[in-house]
Amino acid sequence: MAGGDAVSRYARQVAVPELGDAGQARLRAASALVVGAGGLAAPVLQYMAGAGVGMIRLVDGDVVAESNLHRQTLFRMVDIGRPKVEAAREAVAGLNPECRVEAVRDVLGPGNAAVLAEGVGLVLDCADSFAASYVLSDLCAEKGLPLISASVIGTEGYAGGFCGGAPSLRAVFPDLPQRLGSCAEDGVLGPVVGVIGGLQAQMALAVAAGMEPSPLGRVVSFEAMAHRFGGFRFDGAPEPDWRPGFIDPATIAADDFVIDLRAPEEGPLAHPLARRIAPEAMGDGGPCPAPGQRAVLCCRSGLRAWTAAERLAARWDGEITLVALGDQTGETA
């Protein structure tokens, strides 16, 4: 092999009884979709490639910025302005040329998720995006693919194993958070991202190698300021009856009931058919779709769309879908 001997490269991990030669062979044959090439993906990519995972399809539409460097440790000053997927692919190739990285410069959404996940056996959600997490969970639940999802804000975060025979992310988080934080708004500490990304990598390698006990059906959390880990199992958690799904803006139809929940300064209307309405106006006495219409609720992250969908669902029992139009900052943890 290029760059050394395979026996020497993996000797220390093959010596772990829970992995062994059989687990190493499974890693070599494994393929994974990694969504997001930011701070979570940095330890994920290094540990998965270092362990000998055969193929990683990496998806991210962003470029490297100087503000990324304190936590996105795959990148260097010379990478500023480059597509993250290209810089990450080069870094992984320098670490282990046996690991093949397919770099896809794109933003994952409901319109391309199935194509991007085609042919892989494992999905890792490193995007730290509310909409992306639910799009991936819905896809993985449908396809029977294991999903390792993680999130970090400020000094706290979690990683968990969903789908693939375990309950979905919706089963564990069926209700909307009171607010969605972001790295830009709430800040984030680099070592916290590293800890959670390391947990995510370990969970992914355990699934890919068939190690027991499986991390599917478990969430592990970390609070940096308390120097405390926590977690819980959620085997058998029921799937929610109400499951508003995300759709691609391109699939909005002429007969849809389309609402843009953003303020005018956030951008032009999401669709020529859309009406601009505040989320709180979707309650009692607010506009309502006609019988048989599909409601399409649009906002930046999906948070306001979900809130408006809850208000609408309380008084209307038709189909409700969500559109996340994207974060202008492009930040991923």
C-alpha atoms as a PDB file:
ATOM      1  CA  MET A   1       0.000   0.000   0.000  1.00  0.00           C
ATOM      2  CA  ALA A   2       1.050   3.640  -0.464  1.00  0.00           C
ATOM      3  CA  GLY A   3       2.562   5.229   2.599  1.00  0.00           C
ATOM      4  CA  GLY A   4       3.212   2.144   4.725  1.00  0.00           C
ATOM      5  CA  ASP A   5       2.152  -1.333   5.709  1.00  0.00           C
ATOM      6  CA  ALA A   6      -1.519  -2.068   6.530  1.00  0.00           C
ATOM      7  CA  VAL A   7      -0.580  -4.478   9.320  1.00  0.00           C
ATOM      8  CA  SER A   8       1.471  -1.777  11.060  1.00  0.00           C
ATOM      9  CA  ARG A   9      -1.048   0.996  10.407  1.00  0.00           C
ATOM     10  CA  TYR A  10      -3.959  -0.724  12.143  1.00  0.00           C
ATOM     11  CA  ALA A  11      -2.047  -2.894  14.633  1.00  0.00           C
ATOM     12  CA  ARG A  12      -3.053  -0.967  17.749  1.00  0.00           C
ATOM     13  CA  GLN A  13      -6.774  -0.941  17.027  1.00  0.00           C
ATOM     14  CA  VAL A  14      -6.946  -4.527  15.742  1.00  0.00           C
ATOM     15  CA  ALA A  15      -5.488  -5.557  19.100  1.00  0.00           C
ATOM     16  CA  VAL A  16      -8.680  -4.288  20.782  1.00  0.00           C
ATOM     17  CA  PRO A  17     -10.786  -7.451  21.298  1.00  0.00           C
ATOM     18  CA  GLU A  18     -14.059  -5.677  20.489  1.00  0.00           C
ATOM     19  CA  LEU A  19     -12.704  -4.834  17.022  1.00  0.00           C
ATOM     20  CA  GLY A  20     -10.205  -7.485  15.931  1.00  0.00           C
ATOM     21  CA  ASP A  21      -9.432  -8.547  12.374  1.00  0.00           C
ATOM     22  CA  ALA A  22     -13.115  -9.104  11.517  1.00  0.00           C
ATOM     23  CA  GLY A  23     -14.054  -5.590  12.596  1.00  0.00           C
ATOM     24  CA  GLN A  24     -11.136  -4.123  10.675  1.00  0.00           C
ATOM     25  CA  ALA A  25     -12.293  -5.913   7.532  1.00  0.00           C
ATOM     26  CA  ARG A  26     -15.767  -4.424   8.005  1.00  0.00           C
ATOM     27  CA  LEU A  27     -14.273  -0.940   8.336  1.00  0.00           C
ATOM     28  CA  ARG A  28     -12.344  -1.415   5.106  1.00  0.00           C
ATOM     29  CA  ALA A  29     -15.573  -2.355   3.323  1.00  0.00           C
ATOM     30  CA  ALA A  30     -17.625   0.418   4.947  1.00  0.00           C
ATOM     31  CA  SER A  31     -18.987   3.497   3.203  1.00  0.00           C
ATOM     32  CA  ALA A  32     -20.393   6.579   4.924  1.00  0.00           C
ATOM     33  CA  LEU A  33     -22.086   9.846   4.059  1.00  0.00           C
ATOM     34  CA  VAL A  34     -20.776  12.754   6.158  1.00  0.00           C
ATOM     35  CA  VAL A  35     -22.911  15.904   5.923  1.00  0.00           C
ATOM     36  CA  GLY A  36     -21.020  19.034   6.957  1.00  0.00           C
ATOM     37  CA  ALA A  37     -17.277  19.663   6.800  1.00  0.00           C
ATOM     38  CA  GLY A  38     -16.939  21.915   9.837  1.00  0.00           C
ATOM     39  CA  GLY A  39     -15.855  21.442  13.438  1.00  0.00           C
ATOM     40  CA  LEU A  40     -17.720  18.200  14.101  1.00  0.00           C
ATOM     41  CA  ALA A  41     -16.446  16.707  10.863  1.00  0.00           C
ATOM     42  CA  ALA A  42     -12.811  17.485  11.703  1.00  0.00           C
ATOM     43  CA  PRO A  43     -12.387  14.721  14.332  1.00  0.00           C
ATOM     44  CA  VAL A  44     -14.935  12.530  12.540  1.00  0.00           C
ATOM     45  CA  LEU A  45     -12.993  12.546   9.283  1.00  0.00           C
ATOM     46  CA  GLN A  46      -9.598  12.138  10.924  1.00  0.00           C
ATOM     47  CA  TYR A  47     -10.628   9.236  13.145  1.00  0.00           C
ATOM     48  CA  MET A  48     -12.715   7.466  10.519  1.00  0.00           C
ATOM     49  CA  ALA A  49     -10.022   7.779   7.868  1.00  0.00           C
ATOM     50  CA  GLY A  50      -7.315   6.902  10.363  1.00  0.00           C
ATOM     51  CA  ALA A  51      -9.233   3.780  11.365  1.00  0.00           C
ATOM     52  CA  GLY A  52      -9.423   2.596   7.765  1.00  0.00           C
ATOM     53  CA  VAL A  53     -12.997   3.291   6.647  1.00  0.00           C
ATOM     54  CA  GLY A  54     -13.049   2.521   2.939  1.00  0.00           C
ATOM     55  CA  MET A  55     -15.120   5.363   1.477  1.00  0.00           C
ATOM     56  CA  ILE A  56     -16.503   8.658   2.786  1.00  0.00           C
ATOM     57  CA  ARG A  57     -18.816  10.875   0.754  1.00  0.00           C
ATOM     58  CA  LEU A  58     -18.397  14.387   2.187  1.00  0.00           C
ATOM     59  CA  VAL A  59     -21.055  17.037   1.482  1.00  0.00           C
ATOM     60  CA  ASP A  60     -20.734  20.750   2.258  1.00  0.00           C
ATOM     61  CA  GLY A  61     -21.369  23.887   0.232  1.00  0.00           C
ATOM     62  CA  ASP A  62     -19.259  26.313   2.279  1.00  0.00           C
ATOM     63  CA  VAL A  63     -15.755  27.744   1.979  1.00  0.00           C
ATOM     64  CA  VAL A  64     -13.137  28.050   4.716  1.00  0.00           C
ATOM     65  CA  ALA A  65     -13.200  31.320   6.705  1.00  0.00           C
ATOM     66  CA  GLU A  66     -10.755  32.577   9.311  1.00  0.00           C
ATOM     67  CA  SER A  67     -13.498  32.402  11.967  1.00  0.00           C
ATOM     68  CA  ASN A  68     -13.668  28.627  11.399  1.00  0.00           C
ATOM     69  CA  LEU A  69     -10.070  27.908  12.345  1.00  0.00           C
ATOM     70  CA  HIS A  70     -10.390  27.833  16.141  1.00  0.00           C
ATOM     71  CA  ARG A  71     -12.515  24.676  15.942  1.00  0.00           C
ATOM     72  CA  GLN A  72     -12.364  23.299  12.388  1.00  0.00           C
ATOM     73  CA  THR A  73      -8.951  21.763  12.866  1.00  0.00           C
ATOM     74  CA  LEU A  74      -8.559  20.164   9.445  1.00  0.00           C
ATOM     75  CA  PHE A  75      -7.981  23.605   7.931  1.00  0.00           C
ATOM     76  CA  ARG A  76      -5.023  26.020   7.866  1.00  0.00           C
ATOM     77  CA  MET A  77      -4.607  29.685   6.985  1.00  0.00           C
ATOM     78  CA  VAL A  78      -3.706  28.758   3.409  1.00  0.00           C
ATOM     79  CA  ASP A  79      -7.141  27.108   3.058  1.00  0.00           C
ATOM     80  CA  ILE A  80      -9.123  30.324   3.637  1.00  0.00           C
ATOM     81  CA  GLY A  81     -11.438  30.855   0.678  1.00  0.00           C
ATOM     82  CA  ARG A  82     -11.203  27.252  -0.527  1.00  0.00           C
ATOM     83  CA  PRO A  83     -14.199  24.908  -0.613  1.00  0.00           C
ATOM     84  CA  LYS A  84     -14.209  22.988   2.661  1.00  0.00           C
ATOM     85  CA  VAL A  85     -14.796  19.656   0.955  1.00  0.00           C
ATOM     86  CA  GLU A  86     -11.682  20.053  -1.193  1.00  0.00           C
ATOM     87  CA  ALA A  87      -9.430  21.108   1.685  1.00  0.00           C
ATOM     88  CA  ALA A  88     -10.810  18.280   3.835  1.00  0.00           C
ATOM     89  CA  ARG A  89     -10.283  15.702   1.095  1.00  0.00           C
ATOM     90  CA  GLU A  90      -6.630  16.723   0.782  1.00  0.00           C
ATOM     91  CA  ALA A  91      -6.141  16.504   4.547  1.00  0.00           C
ATOM     92  CA  VAL A  92      -7.654  13.011   4.682  1.00  0.00           C
ATOM     93  CA  ALA A  93      -5.563  11.851   1.728  1.00  0.00           C
ATOM     94  CA  GLY A  94      -2.449  12.970   3.585  1.00  0.00           C
ATOM     95  CA  LEU A  95      -3.525  10.994   6.631  1.00  0.00           C
ATOM     96  CA  ASN A  96      -4.565   7.726   4.980  1.00  0.00           C
ATOM     97  CA  PRO A  97      -4.555   7.285   1.198  1.00  0.00           C
ATOM     98  CA  GLU A  98      -6.489   4.026   1.636  1.00  0.00           C
ATOM     99  CA  CYS A  99      -9.599   6.025   2.557  1.00  0.00           C
ATOM    100  CA  ARG A 100     -11.340   7.369  -0.542  1.00  0.00           C
ATOM    101  CA  VAL A 101     -13.174  10.673  -0.064  1.00  0.00           C
ATOM    102  CA  GLU A 102     -15.823  11.791  -2.543  1.00  0.00           C
ATOM    103  CA  ALA A 103     -16.025  15.578  -2.148  1.00  0.00           C
ATOM    104  CA  VAL A 104     -19.451  17.002  -3.022  1.00  0.00           C
ATOM    105  CA  ARG A 105     -19.708  20.773  -2.864  1.00  0.00           C
ATOM    106  CA  ASP A 106     -23.433  21.163  -2.263  1.00  0.00           C
ATOM    107  CA  VAL A 107     -25.943  21.843   0.497  1.00  0.00           C
ATOM    108  CA  LEU A 108     -27.943  18.815   1.586  1.00  0.00           C
ATOM    109  CA  GLY A 109     -31.696  19.249   1.442  1.00  0.00           C
ATOM    110  CA  PRO A 110     -34.864  17.244   0.912  1.00  0.00           C
ATOM    111  CA  GLY A 111     -34.388  17.380  -2.857  1.00  0.00           C
ATOM    112  CA  ASN A 112     -30.945  15.729  -2.988  1.00  0.00           C
ATOM    113  CA  ALA A 113     -30.632  13.774   0.278  1.00  0.00           C
ATOM    114  CA  ALA A 114     -31.663  10.415  -1.196  1.00  0.00           C
ATOM    115  CA  VAL A 115     -29.190  10.725  -4.081  1.00  0.00           C
ATOM    116  CA  LEU A 116     -26.351  11.756  -1.774  1.00  0.00           C
ATOM    117  CA  ALA A 117     -27.017   8.771   0.509  1.00  0.00           C
ATOM    118  CA  GLU A 118     -27.200   6.272  -2.338  1.00  0.00           C
ATOM    119  CA  GLY A 119     -24.833   3.338  -1.881  1.00  0.00           C
ATOM    120  CA  VAL A 120     -23.654   4.157   1.657  1.00  0.00           C
ATOM    121  CA  GLY A 121     -24.198   2.047   4.753  1.00  0.00           C
ATOM    122  CA  LEU A 122     -23.998   4.787   7.393  1.00  0.00           C
ATOM    123  CA  VAL A 123     -24.910   8.486   7.649  1.00  0.00           C
ATOM    124  CA  LEU A 124     -23.246  11.086   9.891  1.00  0.00           C
ATOM    125  CA  ASP A 125     -24.992  14.389  10.541  1.00  0.00           C
ATOM    126  CA  CYS A 126     -22.199  16.918  11.184  1.00  0.00           C
ATOM    127  CA  ALA A 127     -24.067  19.902   9.755  1.00  0.00           C
ATOM    128  CA  ASP A 128     -25.483  21.122  13.099  1.00  0.00           C
ATOM    129  CA  SER A 129     -28.587  22.253  11.194  1.00  0.00           C
ATOM    130  CA  PHE A 130     -32.112  21.769  12.525  1.00  0.00           C
ATOM    131  CA  ALA A 131     -33.562  21.107   9.064  1.00  0.00           C
ATOM    132  CA  ALA A 132     -30.719  18.845   7.899  1.00  0.00           C
ATOM    133  CA  SER A 133     -31.031  16.675  11.014  1.00  0.00           C
ATOM    134  CA  TYR A 134     -34.733  16.004  10.421  1.00  0.00           C
ATOM    135  CA  VAL A 135     -34.283  15.508   6.668  1.00  0.00           C
ATOM    136  CA  LEU A 136     -31.559  12.939   7.361  1.00  0.00           C
ATOM    137  CA  SER A 137     -33.550  11.246  10.116  1.00  0.00           C
ATOM    138  CA  ASP A 138     -36.599  10.881   7.870  1.00  0.00           C
ATOM    139  CA  LEU A 139     -34.451   9.480   5.061  1.00  0.00           C
ATOM    140  CA  CYS A 140     -32.560   7.062   7.301  1.00  0.00           C
ATOM    141  CA  ALA A 141     -35.774   5.853   8.946  1.00  0.00           C
ATOM    142  CA  GLU A 142     -37.226   5.147   5.511  1.00  0.00           C
ATOM    143  CA  LYS A 143     -34.095   3.420   4.164  1.00  0.00           C
ATOM    144  CA  GLY A 144     -33.134   1.576   7.367  1.00  0.00           C
ATOM    145  CA  LEU A 145     -29.769   3.366   7.521  1.00  0.00           C
ATOM    146  CA  PRO A 146     -28.057   4.097  10.851  1.00  0.00           C
ATOM    147  CA  LEU A 147     -27.714   7.811  11.572  1.00  0.00           C
ATOM    148  CA  ILE A 148     -25.107   9.264  13.936  1.00  0.00           C
ATOM    149  CA  SER A 149     -26.175  12.838  14.634  1.00  0.00           C
ATOM    150  CA  ALA A 150     -24.447  15.458  16.795  1.00  0.00           C
ATOM    151  CA  SER A 151     -24.943  19.069  17.795  1.00  0.00           C
ATOM    152  CA  VAL A 152     -22.926  21.673  19.725  1.00  0.00           C
ATOM    153  CA  ILE A 153     -23.805  25.163  20.925  1.00  0.00           C
ATOM    154  CA  GLY A 154     -21.685  27.196  23.322  1.00  0.00           C
ATOM    155  CA  THR A 155     -20.253  24.830  25.921  1.00  0.00           C
ATOM    156  CA  GLU A 156     -22.681  21.905  25.542  1.00  0.00           C
ATOM    157  CA  GLY A 157     -23.437  19.239  22.984  1.00  0.00           C
ATOM    158  CA  TYR A 158     -24.560  15.699  22.322  1.00  0.00           C
ATOM    159  CA  ALA A 159     -24.075  12.793  19.931  1.00  0.00           C
ATOM    160  CA  GLY A 160     -26.586  10.009  19.360  1.00  0.00           C
ATOM    161  CA  GLY A 161     -27.298   6.919  17.302  1.00  0.00           C
ATOM    162  CA  PHE A 162     -30.669   6.900  15.538  1.00  0.00           C
ATOM    163  CA  CYS A 163     -32.578   4.831  12.960  1.00  0.00           C
ATOM    164  CA  GLY A 164     -31.051   1.653  11.501  1.00  0.00           C
ATOM    165  CA  GLY A 165     -33.363  -0.396  13.726  1.00  0.00           C
ATOM    166  CA  ALA A 166     -33.427   2.172  16.551  1.00  0.00           C
ATOM    167  CA  PRO A 167     -36.028   4.948  16.958  1.00  0.00           C
ATOM    168  CA  SER A 168     -35.561   8.027  14.810  1.00  0.00           C
ATOM    169  CA  LEU A 169     -34.393  11.449  15.885  1.00  0.00           C
ATOM    170  CA  ARG A 170     -38.043  12.554  15.769  1.00  0.00           C
ATOM    171  CA  ALA A 171     -38.903   9.925  18.394  1.00  0.00           C
ATOM    172  CA  VAL A 172     -36.334  11.415  20.784  1.00  0.00           C
ATOM    173  CA  PHE A 173     -36.915  15.081  19.897  1.00  0.00           C
ATOM    174  CA  PRO A 174     -40.580  15.250  18.772  1.00  0.00           C
ATOM    175  CA  ASP A 175     -41.076  18.776  20.084  1.00  0.00           C
ATOM    176  CA  LEU A 176     -39.493  21.942  18.847  1.00  0.00           C
ATOM    177  CA  PRO A 177     -36.839  23.622  21.021  1.00  0.00           C
ATOM    178  CA  GLN A 178     -37.818  27.016  22.387  1.00  0.00           C
ATOM    179  CA  ARG A 179     -35.079  28.537  20.256  1.00  0.00           C
ATOM    180  CA  LEU A 180     -32.360  27.397  17.936  1.00  0.00           C
ATOM    181  CA  GLY A 181     -28.878  28.570  18.756  1.00  0.00           C
ATOM    182  CA  SER A 182     -26.049  28.971  16.293  1.00  0.00           C
ATOM    183  CA  CYS A 183     -22.299  29.295  16.468  1.00  0.00           C
ATOM    184  CA  ALA A 184     -22.544  32.865  15.179  1.00  0.00           C
ATOM    185  CA  GLU A 185     -25.184  33.940  17.725  1.00  0.00           C
ATOM    186  CA  ASP A 186     -24.226  31.945  20.822  1.00  0.00           C
ATOM    187  CA  GLY A 187     -20.562  31.210  20.230  1.00  0.00           C
ATOM    188  CA  VAL A 188     -18.865  27.838  20.558  1.00  0.00           C
ATOM    189  CA  LEU A 189     -15.680  26.554  22.206  1.00  0.00           C
ATOM    190  CA  GLY A 190     -13.362  24.529  19.993  1.00  0.00           C
ATOM    191  CA  PRO A 191     -12.561  21.763  22.510  1.00  0.00           C
ATOM    192  CA  VAL A 192     -16.284  21.145  23.100  1.00  0.00           C
ATOM    193  CA  VAL A 193     -16.753  20.583  19.378  1.00  0.00           C
ATOM    194  CA  GLY A 194     -13.740  18.257  19.448  1.00  0.00           C
ATOM    195  CA  VAL A 195     -15.168  16.207  22.322  1.00  0.00           C
ATOM    196  CA  ILE A 196     -18.563  15.779  20.650  1.00  0.00           C
ATOM    197  CA  GLY A 197     -16.988  15.104  17.259  1.00  0.00           C
ATOM    198  CA  GLY A 198     -14.808  12.443  18.878  1.00  0.00           C
ATOM    199  CA  LEU A 199     -17.892  10.818  20.422  1.00  0.00           C
ATOM    200  CA  GLN A 200     -19.603  10.918  17.049  1.00  0.00           C
ATOM    201  CA  ALA A 201     -16.596   9.269  15.385  1.00  0.00           C
ATOM    202  CA  GLN A 202     -16.514   6.501  18.015  1.00  0.00           C
ATOM    203  CA  MET A 203     -20.220   5.803  17.540  1.00  0.00           C
ATOM    204  CA  ALA A 204     -19.811   5.691  13.773  1.00  0.00           C
ATOM    205  CA  LEU A 205     -16.826   3.328  13.932  1.00  0.00           C
ATOM    206  CA  ALA A 206     -18.676   1.044  16.365  1.00  0.00           C
ATOM    207  CA  VAL A 207     -21.619   0.786  13.957  1.00  0.00           C
ATOM    208  CA  ALA A 208     -19.431   0.325  10.874  1.00  0.00           C
ATOM    209  CA  ALA A 209     -17.302  -2.356  12.552  1.00  0.00           C
ATOM    210  CA  GLY A 210     -20.247  -4.143  14.149  1.00  0.00           C
ATOM    211  CA  MET A 211     -18.934  -3.610  17.687  1.00  0.00           C
ATOM    212  CA  GLU A 212     -21.127  -4.391  20.685  1.00  0.00           C
ATOM    213  CA  PRO A 213     -22.934  -2.904  22.451  1.00  0.00           C
ATOM    214  CA  SER A 214     -24.235  -0.789  19.598  1.00  0.00           C
ATOM    215  CA  PRO A 215     -24.512   2.972  20.094  1.00  0.00           C
ATOM    216  CA  LEU A 216     -27.817   2.964  18.202  1.00  0.00           C
ATOM    217  CA  GLY A 217     -30.563   3.886  20.629  1.00  0.00           C
ATOM    218  CA  ARG A 218     -28.282   5.993  22.846  1.00  0.00           C
ATOM    219  CA  VAL A 219     -27.596   9.710  23.329  1.00  0.00           C
ATOM    220  CA  VAL A 220     -24.412  10.906  25.072  1.00  0.00           C
ATOM    221  CA  SER A 221     -24.226  14.523  26.229  1.00  0.00           C
ATOM    222  CA  PHE A 222     -21.368  16.712  27.467  1.00  0.00           C
ATOM    223  CA  GLU A 223     -21.429  19.879  29.592  1.00  0.00           C
ATOM    224  CA  ALA A 224     -18.012  21.497  29.448  1.00  0.00           C
ATOM    225  CA  MET A 225     -18.366  23.975  32.311  1.00  0.00           C
ATOM    226  CA  ALA A 226     -19.588  21.230  34.652  1.00  0.00           C
ATOM    227  CA  HIS A 227     -16.977  18.797  33.271  1.00  0.00           C
ATOM    228  CA  ARG A 228     -19.775  16.259  33.089  1.00  0.00           C
ATOM    229  CA  PHE A 229     -20.961  13.583  30.682  1.00  0.00           C
ATOM    230  CA  GLY A 230     -24.525  12.322  30.685  1.00  0.00           C
ATOM    231  CA  GLY A 231     -26.817  10.361  28.469  1.00  0.00           C
ATOM    232  CA  PHE A 232     -29.722   7.977  28.152  1.00  0.00           C
ATOM    233  CA  ARG A 233     -31.037   5.064  26.108  1.00  0.00           C
ATOM    234  CA  PHE A 234     -34.203   5.464  24.062  1.00  0.00           C
ATOM    235  CA  ASP A 235     -34.851   1.959  22.771  1.00  0.00           C
ATOM    236  CA  GLY A 236     -38.564   1.569  22.158  1.00  0.00           C
ATOM    237  CA  ALA A 237     -39.316   5.309  22.108  1.00  0.00           C
ATOM    238  CA  PRO A 238     -42.534   5.754  20.072  1.00  0.00           C
ATOM    239  CA  GLU A 239     -42.463   7.599  16.784  1.00  0.00           C
ATOM    240  CA  PRO A 240     -44.617  10.757  16.887  1.00  0.00           C
ATOM    241  CA  ASP A 241     -47.959  10.771  15.087  1.00  0.00           C
ATOM    242  CA  TRP A 242     -47.419  14.327  13.808  1.00  0.00           C
ATOM    243  CA  ARG A 243     -44.391  14.511  11.516  1.00  0.00           C
ATOM    244  CA  PRO A 244     -44.212  17.708   9.427  1.00  0.00           C
ATOM    245  CA  GLY A 245     -41.634  17.040   6.726  1.00  0.00           C
ATOM    246  CA  PHE A 246     -39.270  19.345   4.859  1.00  0.00           C
ATOM    247  CA  ILE A 247     -39.578  19.743   1.085  1.00  0.00           C
ATOM    248  CA  ASP A 248     -37.403  21.370  -1.555  1.00  0.00           C
ATOM    249  CA  PRO A 249     -38.564  24.874  -2.641  1.00  0.00           C
ATOM    250  CA  ALA A 250     -38.436  23.659  -6.247  1.00  0.00           C
ATOM    251  CA  THR A 251     -41.305  21.258  -5.541  1.00  0.00           C
ATOM    252  CA  ILE A 252     -43.791  23.971  -4.512  1.00  0.00           C
ATOM    253  CA  ALA A 253     -46.829  23.563  -6.781  1.00  0.00           C
ATOM    254  CA  ALA A 254     -49.177  26.137  -8.274  1.00  0.00           C
ATOM    255  CA  ASP A 255     -52.087  25.009  -6.104  1.00  0.00           C
ATOM    256  CA  ASP A 256     -50.146  25.051  -2.796  1.00  0.00           C
ATOM    257  CA  PHE A 257     -50.960  27.395   0.092  1.00  0.00           C
ATOM    258  CA  VAL A 258     -47.549  29.070   0.499  1.00  0.00           C
ATOM    259  CA  ILE A 259     -46.575  31.237   3.475  1.00  0.00           C
ATOM    260  CA  ASP A 260     -43.213  33.019   3.876  1.00  0.00           C
ATOM    261  CA  LEU A 261     -42.684  33.637   7.601  1.00  0.00           C
ATOM    262  CA  ARG A 262     -39.554  35.774   7.268  1.00  0.00           C
ATOM    263  CA  ALA A 263     -39.355  39.549   7.642  1.00  0.00           C
ATOM    264  CA  PRO A 264     -39.012  41.519   4.388  1.00  0.00           C
ATOM    265  CA  GLU A 265     -35.369  42.402   5.146  1.00  0.00           C
ATOM    266  CA  GLU A 266     -34.472  38.706   5.253  1.00  0.00           C
ATOM    267  CA  GLY A 267     -34.948  38.339   1.521  1.00  0.00           C
ATOM    268  CA  PRO A 268     -37.449  38.279  -1.334  1.00  0.00           C
ATOM    269  CA  LEU A 269     -40.478  36.025  -1.167  1.00  0.00           C
ATOM    270  CA  ALA A 270     -39.608  32.336  -1.189  1.00  0.00           C
ATOM    271  CA  HIS A 271     -41.977  31.743  -4.111  1.00  0.00           C
ATOM    272  CA  PRO A 272     -44.124  33.924  -6.403  1.00  0.00           C
ATOM    273  CA  LEU A 273     -47.219  32.324  -4.859  1.00  0.00           C
ATOM    274  CA  ALA A 274     -46.151  33.062  -1.291  1.00  0.00           C
ATOM    275  CA  ARG A 275     -47.795  35.462   1.146  1.00  0.00           C
ATOM    276  CA  ARG A 276     -45.637  37.059   3.829  1.00  0.00           C
ATOM    277  CA  ILE A 277     -47.171  36.450   7.268  1.00  0.00           C
ATOM    278  CA  ALA A 278     -45.720  36.489  10.803  1.00  0.00           C
ATOM    279  CA  PRO A 279     -45.672  33.096  12.583  1.00  0.00           C
ATOM    280  CA  GLU A 280     -47.987  34.296  15.367  1.00  0.00           C
ATOM    281  CA  ALA A 281     -50.621  35.172  12.769  1.00  0.00           C
ATOM    282  CA  MET A 282     -51.046  31.492  11.918  1.00  0.00           C
ATOM    283  CA  GLY A 283     -53.101  30.887  15.068  1.00  0.00           C
ATOM    284  CA  ASP A 284     -56.843  31.232  15.577  1.00  0.00           C
ATOM    285  CA  GLY A 285     -58.377  33.570  13.046  1.00  0.00           C
ATOM    286  CA  GLY A 286     -55.345  33.414  10.776  1.00  0.00           C
ATOM    287  CA  PRO A 287     -55.245  32.377   7.115  1.00  0.00           C
ATOM    288  CA  CYS A 288     -56.175  28.782   6.374  1.00  0.00           C
ATOM    289  CA  PRO A 289     -55.686  26.581   3.298  1.00  0.00           C
ATOM    290  CA  ALA A 290     -58.671  25.502   1.261  1.00  0.00           C
ATOM    291  CA  PRO A 291     -59.817  21.878   1.571  1.00  0.00           C
ATOM    292  CA  GLY A 292     -57.409  19.620  -0.305  1.00  0.00           C
ATOM    293  CA  GLN A 293     -54.642  22.221  -0.487  1.00  0.00           C
ATOM    294  CA  ARG A 294     -51.120  21.521   0.789  1.00  0.00           C
ATOM    295  CA  ALA A 295     -49.750  24.061   3.244  1.00  0.00           C
ATOM    296  CA  VAL A 296     -46.124  25.065   2.603  1.00  0.00           C
ATOM    297  CA  LEU A 297     -44.569  27.124   5.404  1.00  0.00           C
ATOM    298  CA  CYS A 298     -41.193  28.747   4.694  1.00  0.00           C
ATOM    299  CA  CYS A 299     -38.530  30.387   6.868  1.00  0.00           C
ATOM    300  CA  ARG A 300     -34.731  30.476   7.191  1.00  0.00           C
ATOM    301  CA  SER A 301     -33.942  27.558   9.503  1.00  0.00           C
ATOM    302  CA  GLY A 302     -37.263  25.726   9.784  1.00  0.00           C
ATOM    303  CA  LEU A 303     -37.907  26.900  13.367  1.00  0.00           C
ATOM    304  CA  ARG A 304     -40.601  29.468  12.555  1.00  0.00           C
ATOM    305  CA  ALA A 305     -42.107  27.137   9.965  1.00  0.00           C
ATOM    306  CA  TRP A 306     -42.426  24.393  12.589  1.00  0.00           C
ATOM    307  CA  THR A 307     -43.983  26.826  15.098  1.00  0.00           C
ATOM    308  CA  ALA A 308     -46.463  28.049  12.493  1.00  0.00           C
ATOM    309  CA  ALA A 309     -47.221  24.441  11.507  1.00  0.00           C
ATOM    310  CA  GLU A 310     -48.135  23.629  15.121  1.00  0.00           C
ATOM    311  CA  ARG A 311     -50.511  26.583  15.205  1.00  0.00           C
ATOM    312  CA  LEU A 312     -52.086  25.633  11.882  1.00  0.00           C
ATOM    313  CA  ALA A 313     -52.373  21.927  12.759  1.00  0.00           C
ATOM    314  CA  ALA A 314     -54.398  22.829  15.859  1.00  0.00           C
ATOM    315  CA  ARG A 315     -57.230  24.074  13.640  1.00  0.00           C
ATOM    316  CA  TRP A 316     -56.702  22.382  10.258  1.00  0.00           C
ATOM    317  CA  ASP A 317     -56.068  18.698   9.548  1.00  0.00           C
ATOM    318  CA  GLY A 318     -54.642  18.877   6.031  1.00  0.00           C
ATOM    319  CA  GLU A 319     -51.086  18.240   4.790  1.00  0.00           C
ATOM    320  CA  ILE A 320     -48.458  20.627   6.169  1.00  0.00           C
ATOM    321  CA  THR A 321     -44.889  20.805   4.859  1.00  0.00           C
ATOM    322  CA  LEU A 322     -41.888  22.944   5.795  1.00  0.00           C
ATOM    323  CA  VAL A 323     -39.211  24.730   3.784  1.00  0.00           C
ATOM    324  CA  ALA A 324     -35.869  25.822   5.293  1.00  0.00           C
ATOM    325  CA  LEU A 325     -34.437  28.471   2.980  1.00  0.00           C
ATOM    326  CA  GLY A 326     -30.969  28.442   4.519  1.00  0.00           C
ATOM    327  CA  ASP A 327     -28.661  30.286   6.861  1.00  0.00           C
ATOM    328  CA  GLN A 328     -26.886  33.199   5.180  1.00  0.00           C
ATOM    329  CA  THR A 329     -23.829  32.678   7.391  1.00  0.00           C
ATOM    330  CA  GLY A 330     -23.309  29.113   6.172  1.00  0.00           C
ATOM    331  CA  GLU A 331     -21.798  28.232   9.559  1.00  0.00           C
ATOM    332  CA  THR A 332     -21.517  24.603  10.615  1.00  0.00           C
ATOM    333  CA  ALA A 333     -20.223  23.687  14.054  1.00  0.00           C
END
